[in-house]
Amino acid sequence: MMNKSEYYSENRKPKRTAFQFVILLGIVSLLADMTYEGARSITGPYLALLGASGTVVGIVAGLGELIGYSLRLLSGYAADRTGRYWTITILGYFVNLIAVPFLALAGRWEIAAALMITERIGKAIRTPARDAMLSHATKQIGQGWGFGLHEAMDQIGATLGPLIVAAIFWLKGGYKSGFAILAVPAILALSVLLFARTRYPRPRDMKPITPSMEARGLPKAFWLYLAGVVLIAAGYVDFPLIAYHIKKSAVTSDNWIPVLYALAMVIDACAALFFGRLFDRWGLNVLIAVSLISSAFAPLVFLGGIKSALAGMALWGMGMGAQESIMRAAIAKMVSSVRRGTANGIFNTGYGLFWFIGSAFMGMLYDISLGWLVCFSVVVQLASVPLLALVSRRIYSSA
């Protein structure tokens, strides 16, 4: 085990070291996303095949996010309290990934739902600790760019996973074969993660601690920012409900559902890089602009045919890419390094709570009226804009 001076001696170029660390964790995320996003691309229709209703799909998707995001409050606090960022990250990835192949064995929608929620729990355990480690590296190379790069690699995996599942479908393999094949990237992801742990045992050493910054708690801007972001979460339809609608409405065949998801993930990856770079220059104004544009995805997805659904999924992917890169980068700018695990936990708990409320409510609205579902989605997302604008004026403009 290296001491701190040896660590710096071996890594004489901090930016290069930080970049390499981001890339390595990006590879882990790429493989992990191949696994669970490949599964998520078909869990909606899979639940329908097992006899679940639209309300059930909406509640299961939302409940998984609620439990998963709520646990991030505890895992983030535990990471900051114990300093065991790697241990918590590795445990989370194991639970996150091991649940996916077992979906192939589910014979009832209740079992499949439990495994879907277990997968979300694993993601909850590892995300705050991993993002806290990433924040030290992104400080060296630009937080928007660093998180955007990580998100882009993440979404490359999220594109490949659904395409693998789609290929299994084209080869007449079915849902069970699709889930089973995803064990391969899961094992690879865990292997690369263990290598990263050996190669970079103390990511915090990549950026020397600034004492004046460490004394700060969670600023008021963080809470105002959280209030704006949870509105976006409440109005953002989860893909399982979108896939459920496409299947039920016969917009296209089952074979093309994971392809639509893959298209959204490609756009997600590109958007993360592009908007992450813009964030380093223009701050939260970038998220405001994206929120205004991407809020139009709901009417396109739910009220039109295949061409409209394609356009809607493109906007959905763009919004997701901006959220995954900018939202995390903004926290790194607002909060001192020793509180980022806690801040990420609180942030994700609020985000997940409102994601669950919105998903469950939109699932019920789906069984009542598509028009009301679309109206709710658009209005709630747009309600976030004034709050984000206030944060941007008070914090980033005065910086």
Protein backbone atom coordinates (compact mmCIF):
# COMPACT_ATOMS: atom_id res chain seq x y z
CA MET A 1 0.00 0.00 0.00
CA MET A 2 1.44 3.37 -1.05
CA ASN A 3 1.65 6.33 1.32
CA LYS A 4 0.55 9.75 0.10
CA SER A 5 3.99 10.99 -0.93
CA GLU A 6 4.63 7.81 -2.92
CA TYR A 7 1.25 8.21 -4.56
CA TYR A 8 2.14 11.70 -5.79
CA SER A 9 5.62 10.55 -6.81
CA GLU A 10 4.17 7.83 -9.01
CA ASN A 11 1.56 10.18 -10.42
CA ARG A 12 3.46 13.29 -11.45
CA LYS A 13 0.79 14.43 -13.87
CA PRO A 14 -2.40 14.89 -11.81
CA LYS A 15 -4.64 15.64 -14.80
CA ARG A 16 -3.47 12.57 -16.67
CA THR A 17 -3.95 10.40 -13.57
CA ALA A 18 -7.41 11.83 -12.99
CA PHE A 19 -8.35 11.26 -16.62
CA GLN A 20 -7.19 7.66 -16.46
CA PHE A 21 -9.22 7.09 -13.29
CA VAL A 22 -12.37 8.51 -14.91
CA ILE A 23 -11.82 6.29 -17.95
CA LEU A 24 -11.33 3.18 -15.82
CA LEU A 25 -14.50 3.78 -13.83
CA GLY A 26 -16.17 4.62 -17.12
CA ILE A 27 -15.30 1.13 -18.39
CA VAL A 28 -16.86 -0.34 -15.24
CA SER A 29 -20.00 1.70 -15.85
CA LEU A 30 -20.03 0.73 -19.52
CA LEU A 31 -20.06 -2.97 -18.67
CA ALA A 32 -22.48 -2.51 -15.79
CA ASP A 33 -24.90 -0.58 -17.97
CA MET A 34 -24.70 -3.27 -20.61
CA THR A 35 -26.01 -5.56 -17.91
CA TYR A 36 -28.80 -3.69 -16.16
CA GLU A 37 -29.86 -1.33 -18.95
CA GLY A 38 -30.03 -4.29 -21.30
CA ALA A 39 -32.42 -5.83 -18.78
CA ARG A 40 -34.39 -2.62 -18.20
CA SER A 41 -35.03 -2.28 -21.93
CA ILE A 42 -37.37 -5.29 -21.73
CA THR A 43 -38.59 -5.40 -18.11
CA GLY A 44 -41.74 -3.43 -18.97
CA PRO A 45 -43.00 -5.86 -21.62
CA TYR A 46 -41.62 -8.76 -19.57
CA LEU A 47 -43.87 -7.77 -16.67
CA ALA A 48 -46.77 -7.45 -19.11
CA LEU A 49 -46.01 -10.96 -20.42
CA LEU A 50 -46.12 -12.24 -16.84
CA GLY A 51 -49.54 -10.64 -16.31
CA ALA A 52 -48.84 -7.23 -14.73
CA SER A 53 -51.06 -4.19 -15.40
CA GLY A 54 -49.97 -0.68 -16.39
CA THR A 55 -50.47 0.46 -12.79
CA VAL A 56 -48.25 -2.37 -11.55
CA VAL A 57 -45.52 -1.50 -14.06
CA GLY A 58 -45.60 2.15 -13.03
CA ILE A 59 -45.52 1.31 -9.31
CA VAL A 60 -42.76 -1.30 -9.65
CA ALA A 61 -40.59 1.06 -11.71
CA GLY A 62 -41.23 3.92 -9.29
CA LEU A 63 -40.86 1.80 -6.16
CA GLY A 64 -37.52 0.48 -7.36
CA GLU A 65 -36.32 4.05 -7.85
CA LEU A 66 -37.76 5.14 -4.49
CA ILE A 67 -36.09 2.36 -2.50
CA GLY A 68 -32.90 2.66 -4.50
CA TYR A 69 -32.62 6.42 -4.21
CA SER A 70 -33.70 6.49 -0.56
CA LEU A 71 -30.94 4.09 0.40
CA ARG A 72 -28.42 6.48 -1.13
CA LEU A 73 -28.96 8.75 1.85
CA LEU A 74 -27.64 6.00 4.12
CA SER A 75 -24.91 4.76 1.80
CA GLY A 76 -23.66 8.29 1.13
CA TYR A 77 -23.55 9.09 4.83
CA ALA A 78 -21.85 5.76 5.55
CA ALA A 79 -19.22 6.45 2.89
CA ASP A 80 -18.37 9.86 4.35
CA ARG A 81 -18.50 8.57 7.93
CA THR A 82 -16.30 5.49 7.41
CA GLY A 83 -14.19 6.60 4.46
CA ARG A 84 -14.70 3.15 2.92
CA TYR A 85 -15.70 4.44 -0.49
CA TRP A 86 -14.25 1.49 -2.37
CA THR A 87 -15.81 -1.15 -0.11
CA ILE A 88 -19.27 0.35 -0.43
CA THR A 89 -18.87 0.81 -4.18
CA ILE A 90 -17.81 -2.81 -4.75
CA LEU A 91 -20.64 -4.17 -2.57
CA GLY A 92 -23.17 -2.07 -4.45
CA TYR A 93 -21.99 -3.16 -7.87
CA PHE A 94 -22.15 -6.82 -6.84
CA VAL A 95 -25.79 -6.57 -5.69
CA ASN A 96 -26.66 -4.36 -8.65
CA LEU A 97 -25.32 -6.76 -11.26
CA ILE A 98 -25.99 -10.18 -9.80
CA ALA A 99 -29.78 -9.64 -9.76
CA VAL A 100 -30.04 -9.28 -13.54
CA PRO A 101 -29.26 -12.82 -14.75
CA PHE A 102 -31.69 -14.23 -12.17
CA LEU A 103 -34.55 -12.52 -14.01
CA ALA A 104 -34.27 -15.41 -16.46
CA LEU A 105 -35.58 -17.69 -13.69
CA ALA A 106 -38.59 -15.56 -12.74
CA GLY A 107 -41.88 -17.32 -13.44
CA ARG A 108 -44.17 -14.70 -11.88
CA TRP A 109 -44.30 -10.93 -12.17
CA GLU A 110 -43.90 -10.65 -8.38
CA ILE A 111 -40.51 -12.42 -8.52
CA ALA A 112 -39.39 -10.34 -11.48
CA ALA A 113 -40.46 -7.18 -9.65
CA ALA A 114 -38.46 -8.18 -6.56
CA LEU A 115 -35.33 -8.73 -8.66
CA MET A 116 -35.84 -5.39 -10.44
CA ILE A 117 -35.99 -3.68 -7.05
CA THR A 118 -32.92 -5.60 -5.82
CA GLU A 119 -30.97 -4.34 -8.83
CA ARG A 120 -31.96 -0.76 -7.93
CA ILE A 121 -30.89 -1.34 -4.31
CA GLY A 122 -27.42 -2.34 -5.47
CA LYS A 123 -27.15 0.79 -7.57
CA ALA A 124 -28.21 2.83 -4.54
CA ILE A 125 -25.46 1.37 -2.39
CA ARG A 126 -22.63 2.14 -4.77
CA THR A 127 -23.60 5.42 -6.49
CA PRO A 128 -22.88 8.09 -3.81
CA ALA A 129 -19.50 6.56 -2.92
CA ARG A 130 -18.50 6.16 -6.56
CA ASP A 131 -19.58 9.71 -7.45
CA ALA A 132 -17.67 11.09 -4.46
CA MET A 133 -14.52 9.38 -5.75
CA LEU A 134 -15.18 10.67 -9.26
CA SER A 135 -15.60 14.21 -7.95
CA HIS A 136 -11.94 14.29 -6.85
CA ALA A 137 -10.77 13.35 -10.32
CA THR A 138 -13.18 15.64 -12.17
CA LYS A 139 -11.91 18.57 -10.13
CA GLN A 140 -8.67 18.19 -12.07
CA ILE A 141 -10.13 17.92 -15.58
CA GLY A 142 -13.37 19.95 -15.31
CA GLN A 143 -16.40 18.68 -13.45
CA GLY A 144 -18.89 19.00 -16.27
CA TRP A 145 -16.47 17.40 -18.73
CA GLY A 146 -15.40 14.66 -16.31
CA PHE A 147 -18.90 13.61 -15.33
CA GLY A 148 -20.02 14.02 -18.94
CA LEU A 149 -17.24 11.70 -20.11
CA HIS A 150 -18.16 9.13 -17.48
CA GLU A 151 -21.83 9.37 -18.43
CA ALA A 152 -20.99 8.99 -22.12
CA MET A 153 -19.14 5.75 -21.47
CA ASP A 154 -21.97 4.69 -19.19
CA GLN A 155 -24.43 5.19 -22.03
CA ILE A 156 -22.29 3.35 -24.56
CA GLY A 157 -22.92 0.34 -22.36
CA ALA A 158 -26.58 1.31 -22.06
CA THR A 159 -26.72 1.24 -25.86
CA LEU A 160 -24.89 -2.05 -26.33
CA GLY A 161 -26.93 -3.88 -23.69
CA PRO A 162 -30.32 -3.35 -25.35
CA LEU A 163 -28.80 -4.14 -28.75
CA ILE A 164 -27.50 -7.45 -27.39
CA VAL A 165 -30.98 -8.23 -26.09
CA ALA A 166 -32.49 -7.21 -29.43
CA ALA A 167 -30.09 -9.58 -31.20
CA ILE A 168 -31.19 -12.40 -28.90
CA PHE A 169 -34.80 -11.62 -29.83
CA TRP A 170 -34.00 -11.65 -33.54
CA LEU A 171 -32.42 -15.06 -33.04
CA LYS A 172 -35.66 -16.24 -31.39
CA GLY A 173 -34.02 -16.56 -27.99
CA GLY A 174 -36.76 -14.83 -25.98
CA TYR A 175 -36.76 -12.95 -22.69
CA LYS A 176 -35.05 -15.59 -20.55
CA SER A 177 -32.11 -15.95 -22.93
CA GLY A 178 -31.81 -12.17 -23.07
CA PHE A 179 -31.47 -11.90 -19.30
CA ALA A 180 -29.09 -14.87 -19.05
CA ILE A 181 -26.56 -13.57 -21.59
CA LEU A 182 -26.18 -10.38 -19.55
CA ALA A 183 -24.23 -12.36 -16.93
CA VAL A 184 -21.14 -11.96 -19.16
CA PRO A 185 -20.76 -8.15 -18.94
CA ALA A 186 -21.72 -8.35 -15.26
CA ILE A 187 -18.70 -10.55 -14.48
CA LEU A 188 -16.41 -8.36 -16.59
CA ALA A 189 -17.59 -5.21 -14.81
CA LEU A 190 -16.80 -6.64 -11.39
CA SER A 191 -13.36 -7.76 -12.59
CA VAL A 192 -12.43 -4.28 -13.89
CA LEU A 193 -13.77 -2.70 -10.71
CA LEU A 194 -11.46 -4.82 -8.56
CA PHE A 195 -8.53 -3.84 -10.78
CA ALA A 196 -9.43 -0.15 -10.37
CA ARG A 197 -9.49 -0.60 -6.60
CA THR A 198 -5.95 -1.98 -6.72
CA ARG A 199 -4.67 0.68 -9.13
CA TYR A 200 -6.20 3.73 -7.40
CA PRO A 201 -6.68 2.93 -3.70
CA ARG A 202 -7.17 6.59 -2.59
CA PRO A 203 -8.83 8.75 -5.26
CA ARG A 204 -9.05 11.68 -2.83
CA ASP A 205 -5.27 12.08 -3.09
CA MET A 206 -5.70 13.19 -6.70
CA LYS A 207 -6.82 16.59 -5.42
CA PRO A 208 -5.25 18.11 -2.30
CA ILE A 209 -7.86 19.10 0.30
CA THR A 210 -8.47 22.82 0.80
CA PRO A 211 -9.11 23.40 4.52
CA SER A 212 -11.37 26.44 4.02
CA MET A 213 -13.64 24.46 1.77
CA GLU A 214 -13.79 21.46 4.10
CA ALA A 215 -15.36 23.57 6.88
CA ARG A 216 -18.47 24.26 4.85
CA GLY A 217 -21.69 22.30 5.21
CA LEU A 218 -24.48 21.97 2.66
CA PRO A 219 -25.19 25.44 1.26
CA LYS A 220 -28.65 26.95 0.78
CA ALA A 221 -28.18 26.76 -2.97
CA PHE A 222 -28.01 22.97 -2.71
CA TRP A 223 -31.50 22.77 -1.19
CA LEU A 224 -32.95 25.17 -3.74
CA TYR A 225 -31.29 23.20 -6.50
CA LEU A 226 -32.72 19.97 -5.08
CA ALA A 227 -36.23 21.47 -5.13
CA GLY A 228 -35.91 22.20 -8.84
CA VAL A 229 -34.45 18.85 -9.77
CA VAL A 230 -37.08 16.76 -7.97
CA LEU A 231 -39.74 18.36 -10.16
CA ILE A 232 -37.91 17.12 -13.23
CA ALA A 233 -37.77 13.68 -11.64
CA ALA A 234 -41.50 13.67 -10.88
CA GLY A 235 -42.40 14.42 -14.49
CA TYR A 236 -39.87 12.17 -16.21
CA VAL A 237 -41.51 8.96 -17.38
CA ASP A 238 -39.44 5.85 -16.70
CA PHE A 239 -38.71 3.66 -19.73
CA PRO A 240 -40.57 0.54 -18.49
CA LEU A 241 -43.86 2.47 -18.77
CA ILE A 242 -42.87 3.77 -22.21
CA ALA A 243 -42.02 0.22 -23.32
CA TYR A 244 -45.28 -1.04 -21.81
CA HIS A 245 -47.20 1.56 -23.86
CA ILE A 246 -45.37 0.66 -27.07
CA LYS A 247 -46.20 -3.02 -26.59
CA LYS A 248 -49.83 -2.46 -25.56
CA SER A 249 -50.48 0.02 -28.37
CA ALA A 250 -48.67 -2.12 -30.96
CA VAL A 251 -46.64 0.93 -32.05
CA THR A 252 -43.96 -1.54 -33.14
CA SER A 253 -42.99 -5.16 -32.53
CA ASP A 254 -41.29 -6.40 -29.36
CA ASN A 255 -38.04 -6.84 -31.29
CA TRP A 256 -37.75 -3.09 -31.82
CA ILE A 257 -38.43 -1.96 -28.24
CA PRO A 258 -34.83 -2.49 -27.02
CA VAL A 259 -33.62 -0.82 -30.24
CA LEU A 260 -35.63 2.30 -29.38
CA TYR A 261 -34.02 2.27 -25.96
CA ALA A 262 -30.58 1.86 -27.52
CA LEU A 263 -31.27 4.90 -29.74
CA ALA A 264 -32.11 6.93 -26.65
CA MET A 265 -28.89 5.78 -24.97
CA VAL A 266 -26.75 6.84 -27.95
CA ILE A 267 -28.28 10.30 -27.75
CA ASP A 268 -27.85 10.23 -23.97
CA ALA A 269 -24.11 9.58 -24.38
CA CYS A 270 -23.63 12.37 -26.92
CA ALA A 271 -25.72 14.79 -24.86
CA ALA A 272 -23.71 14.03 -21.71
CA LEU A 273 -20.44 14.96 -23.42
CA PHE A 274 -21.83 18.03 -25.16
CA PHE A 275 -23.80 19.49 -22.28
CA GLY A 276 -21.15 18.51 -19.74
CA ARG A 277 -18.63 20.63 -21.59
CA LEU A 278 -21.10 23.51 -21.87
CA PHE A 279 -21.82 23.28 -18.14
CA ASP A 280 -18.18 24.08 -17.33
CA ARG A 281 -18.68 27.35 -19.25
CA TRP A 282 -22.29 28.37 -18.62
CA GLY A 283 -23.37 26.56 -15.45
CA LEU A 284 -26.98 25.63 -14.76
CA ASN A 285 -28.30 27.66 -17.68
CA VAL A 286 -27.51 24.59 -19.77
CA LEU A 287 -29.80 22.37 -17.66
CA ILE A 288 -32.56 24.98 -17.90
CA ALA A 289 -32.39 25.02 -21.70
CA VAL A 290 -32.39 21.22 -21.92
CA SER A 291 -35.35 20.93 -19.54
CA LEU A 292 -37.38 23.27 -21.72
CA ILE A 293 -36.68 21.20 -24.83
CA SER A 294 -36.82 17.67 -23.45
CA SER A 295 -40.18 18.21 -21.71
CA ALA A 296 -41.78 17.68 -25.15
CA PHE A 297 -40.90 13.96 -25.16
CA ALA A 298 -44.12 12.83 -23.45
CA PRO A 299 -46.65 13.97 -26.09
CA LEU A 300 -44.44 12.58 -28.85
CA VAL A 301 -44.05 9.17 -27.20
CA PHE A 302 -47.60 8.64 -25.94
CA LEU A 303 -49.78 10.43 -28.50
CA GLY A 304 -48.25 9.45 -31.84
CA GLY A 305 -47.07 6.59 -34.01
CA ILE A 306 -43.63 5.11 -34.58
CA LYS A 307 -42.09 8.27 -36.10
CA SER A 308 -43.38 10.38 -33.24
CA ALA A 309 -42.11 7.80 -30.74
CA LEU A 310 -38.65 7.94 -32.32
CA ALA A 311 -38.55 11.72 -31.95
CA GLY A 312 -39.84 11.46 -28.40
CA MET A 313 -37.22 8.90 -27.41
CA ALA A 314 -34.53 11.16 -28.88
CA LEU A 315 -35.65 14.03 -26.63
CA TRP A 316 -35.99 11.63 -23.69
CA GLY A 317 -32.39 10.47 -24.21
CA MET A 318 -31.14 14.05 -24.53
CA GLY A 319 -32.76 14.99 -21.24
CA MET A 320 -31.36 11.94 -19.48
CA GLY A 321 -27.84 12.67 -20.73
CA ALA A 322 -27.94 16.24 -19.47
CA GLN A 323 -29.39 15.17 -16.12
CA GLU A 324 -26.85 12.42 -15.48
CA SER A 325 -23.86 14.64 -16.24
CA ILE A 326 -24.87 18.15 -15.18
CA MET A 327 -26.81 17.23 -12.05
CA ARG A 328 -23.85 15.38 -10.54
CA ALA A 329 -21.34 18.01 -11.65
CA ALA A 330 -23.38 20.80 -10.04
CA ILE A 331 -23.24 19.05 -6.66
CA ALA A 332 -19.46 18.79 -6.93
CA LYS A 333 -19.30 22.56 -7.46
CA MET A 334 -21.64 23.41 -4.57
CA VAL A 335 -20.47 21.05 -1.81
CA SER A 336 -17.10 20.53 -0.11
CA SER A 337 -15.35 17.24 -0.78
CA VAL A 338 -15.85 15.68 2.67
CA ARG A 339 -19.63 16.17 2.42
CA ARG A 340 -20.17 15.00 -1.14
CA GLY A 341 -21.12 11.44 -0.23
CA THR A 342 -23.78 12.80 2.12
CA ALA A 343 -24.88 15.46 -0.38
CA ASN A 344 -25.17 12.88 -3.14
CA GLY A 345 -27.16 10.65 -0.80
CA ILE A 346 -29.60 13.42 0.16
CA PHE A 347 -29.89 14.57 -3.43
CA ASN A 348 -30.59 11.08 -4.75
CA THR A 349 -33.07 10.35 -1.97
CA GLY A 350 -35.13 13.40 -2.88
CA TYR A 351 -34.78 12.64 -6.57
CA GLY A 352 -35.89 9.04 -6.05
CA LEU A 353 -38.82 9.94 -3.81
CA PHE A 354 -40.29 12.26 -6.39
CA TRP A 355 -39.42 9.85 -9.21
CA PHE A 356 -41.51 7.23 -7.40
CA ILE A 357 -44.42 9.58 -6.78
CA GLY A 358 -44.38 10.70 -10.40
CA SER A 359 -43.95 7.18 -11.82
CA ALA A 360 -46.71 5.68 -9.70
CA PHE A 361 -49.08 8.56 -10.48
CA MET A 362 -48.32 8.45 -14.21
CA GLY A 363 -48.82 4.68 -14.17
CA MET A 364 -52.31 5.24 -12.77
CA LEU A 365 -52.94 8.07 -15.23
CA TYR A 366 -51.95 5.72 -18.05
CA ASP A 367 -54.86 3.42 -17.19
CA ILE A 368 -57.20 6.45 -17.11
CA SER A 369 -56.11 8.93 -19.79
CA LEU A 370 -52.99 9.38 -21.90
CA GLY A 371 -53.83 13.05 -22.25
CA TRP A 372 -53.70 13.63 -18.50
CA LEU A 373 -50.45 11.67 -18.26
CA VAL A 374 -48.84 13.87 -20.90
CA CYS A 375 -50.16 17.05 -19.31
CA PHE A 376 -48.80 16.09 -15.89
CA SER A 377 -45.37 15.19 -17.30
CA VAL A 378 -44.91 18.42 -19.25
CA VAL A 379 -46.25 20.83 -16.63
CA VAL A 380 -44.26 19.38 -13.72
CA GLN A 381 -40.99 19.41 -15.66
CA LEU A 382 -41.48 23.03 -16.74
CA ALA A 383 -42.20 24.01 -13.12
CA SER A 384 -38.53 23.29 -12.35
CA VAL A 385 -37.25 26.05 -14.64
CA PRO A 386 -37.89 29.08 -12.35
CA LEU A 387 -36.13 27.35 -9.43
CA LEU A 388 -33.11 26.40 -11.51
CA ALA A 389 -32.95 29.93 -12.90
CA LEU A 390 -32.92 31.31 -9.35
CA VAL A 391 -30.01 29.04 -8.39
CA SER A 392 -28.15 30.03 -11.54
CA ARG A 393 -28.54 33.76 -10.84
CA ARG A 394 -27.67 33.60 -7.15
CA ILE A 395 -24.77 31.18 -7.27
CA TYR A 396 -23.14 30.81 -10.66
CA SER A 397 -23.52 34.39 -11.83
CA SER A 398 -21.89 35.67 -8.63
CA ALA A 399 -19.07 33.11 -8.72
